[in-house]
Protein backbone atom coordinates (compact mmCIF):
# COMPACT_ATOMS: atom_id res chain seq x y z
CA ALA A 1 1.37 90.77 14.25
CA HIS A 2 3.77 88.30 14.30
CA SER A 3 3.04 87.02 17.66
CA PHE A 4 -0.55 86.52 16.87
CA VAL A 5 -0.21 84.44 14.39
CA GLU A 6 2.48 82.41 16.48
CA GLU A 7 -0.14 82.19 18.73
CA ARG A 8 -2.58 80.88 16.49
CA LYS A 9 -0.43 78.82 14.19
CA GLN A 10 -1.13 75.86 16.23
CA SER A 11 -4.92 75.53 16.29
CA MET A 12 -4.79 76.41 12.58
CA MET A 13 -2.85 73.40 11.86
CA THR A 14 -4.96 71.39 13.90
CA ALA A 15 -7.64 72.70 12.41
CA LEU A 16 -5.68 72.41 8.34
CA ASP A 17 -5.27 68.31 10.02
CA ASP A 18 -8.87 68.10 10.37
CA GLU A 19 -10.34 69.48 7.47
CA ILE A 20 -7.29 67.03 5.11
CA THR A 21 -8.58 63.74 7.47
CA ALA A 22 -12.28 64.76 7.09
CA THR A 23 -11.37 65.04 3.14
CA ASN A 24 -9.32 61.92 2.24
CA ASP A 25 -13.00 60.20 4.14
CA GLU A 26 -15.12 61.72 2.07
CA LEU A 27 -12.96 60.24 -1.01
CA LEU A 28 -12.48 56.84 0.50
CA ALA A 29 -16.66 56.85 1.23
CA ILE A 30 -16.77 57.90 -2.93
CA LEU A 31 -14.07 55.36 -3.97
CA GLY A 32 -16.51 52.78 -1.96
CA ASN A 33 -19.41 54.17 -3.55
CA LEU A 34 -17.68 53.47 -7.06
CA HIS A 35 -16.98 49.69 -5.88
CA SER A 36 -20.42 48.65 -4.78
CA GLY A 37 -23.74 49.50 -5.26
CA VAL A 38 -25.51 50.91 -8.36
CA HIS A 39 -21.88 51.71 -10.10
CA VAL A 40 -21.55 48.79 -11.01
CA GLU A 41 -25.41 46.84 -10.99
CA PRO A 42 -25.40 45.73 -15.13
CA ARG A 43 -29.56 46.57 -15.04
CA ASN A 44 -28.98 49.67 -14.23
CA ASP A 45 -30.01 52.77 -16.65
CA PRO A 46 -26.55 53.32 -18.37
CA GLY A 47 -27.64 57.67 -19.51
CA LYS A 48 -28.69 57.24 -15.67
CA MET A 49 -25.44 56.65 -14.75
CA VAL A 50 -23.60 58.74 -17.24
CA ALA A 51 -25.30 61.42 -15.60
CA GLU A 52 -24.38 59.97 -12.10
CA LEU A 53 -21.32 59.72 -12.63
CA GLU A 54 -20.61 63.17 -13.63
CA ASN A 55 -21.82 64.88 -10.70
CA VAL A 56 -19.32 62.54 -8.99
CA GLN A 57 -16.61 63.72 -11.17
CA ALA A 58 -17.64 67.47 -10.27
CA SER A 59 -17.38 66.65 -6.97
CA ILE A 60 -14.15 65.04 -7.26
CA ALA A 61 -12.80 68.22 -9.27
CA GLU A 62 -13.90 70.90 -6.72
CA ILE A 63 -12.11 68.07 -4.06
CA SER A 64 -9.03 68.62 -6.14
CA GLU A 65 -9.06 71.90 -5.97
CA LYS A 66 -10.03 72.02 -2.18
CA THR A 67 -6.68 69.78 -1.88
CA ALA A 68 -4.19 71.78 -3.40
CA GLN A 69 -5.65 74.60 -1.58
CA PHE A 70 -4.85 72.43 1.59
CA GLN A 71 -1.68 71.45 0.16
CA SER A 72 -0.74 75.44 -0.41
CA TYR A 73 -1.33 76.13 3.46
CA GLN A 74 0.85 72.69 4.68
CA MET A 75 3.45 74.16 2.35
CA SER A 76 3.20 78.36 4.21
CA PHE A 77 2.76 75.92 7.99
CA GLY A 78 6.13 74.28 6.97
CA MET A 79 4.07 70.80 7.20
CA ASN A 80 4.46 67.66 5.33
CA VAL A 81 2.30 68.47 2.37
CA ASP A 82 -0.61 65.03 1.95
CA ASP A 83 0.25 63.37 -1.83
CA PHE A 84 -3.67 62.56 -1.60
CA SER A 85 -2.99 59.81 -3.27
CA ASN A 86 -6.62 58.83 -1.89
CA LEU A 87 -7.80 61.95 -4.71
CA SER A 88 -5.80 59.96 -7.79
CA MET A 89 -7.11 56.49 -7.04
CA THR A 90 -10.36 58.13 -6.89
CA ASP A 91 -10.49 59.79 -9.75
CA LYS A 92 -8.87 57.26 -11.79
CA GLU A 93 -11.87 54.85 -10.40
CA CYS A 94 -14.39 57.56 -11.34
CA ARG A 95 -12.73 57.95 -14.63
CA ALA A 96 -12.87 54.50 -15.52
CA ARG A 97 -16.49 53.76 -14.48
CA ALA A 98 -17.96 56.80 -16.87
CA ALA A 99 -15.76 54.70 -19.42
CA VAL A 100 -17.69 51.84 -18.61
CA TRP A 101 -20.92 53.54 -18.24
CA ARG A 102 -20.29 55.89 -21.45
CA THR A 103 -19.89 52.79 -23.63
CA LEU A 104 -22.10 51.14 -22.82
CA TYR A 105 -24.77 53.98 -23.11
CA ASP A 106 -23.09 55.13 -26.62
CA PHE A 107 -23.54 51.59 -27.59
CA GLN A 108 -27.41 50.86 -26.95
CA ALA A 109 -27.87 54.30 -28.55
CA SER A 110 -26.50 53.56 -31.61
CA VAL A 111 -28.36 49.97 -32.09
CA ALA A 112 -32.42 51.70 -31.09
CA THR A 113 -31.10 54.14 -34.37
């Protein structure tokens, strides 16, 4: 059993590195989206933006769970453990955008009543 694991270890480590790269790319794409387009367009409907950003936050939460698993695998393989700084940057930016849109939504709702 030990030799089976050792034979497969390098390919498993390579697959893990590939998954981590893909996850970091996904996080950078989300971050880029948060910095442009609909997330910064002031004419957008605040209610729709709040809902959209809640979906983005849910995606980030799923990615966060995945990165924790990746870090566990990295420790098991004796690899350098990725800090996933792109995750914290993306989460922080999403929370900031969500707060702005939520504030605007709440303000418009209070003015309408």
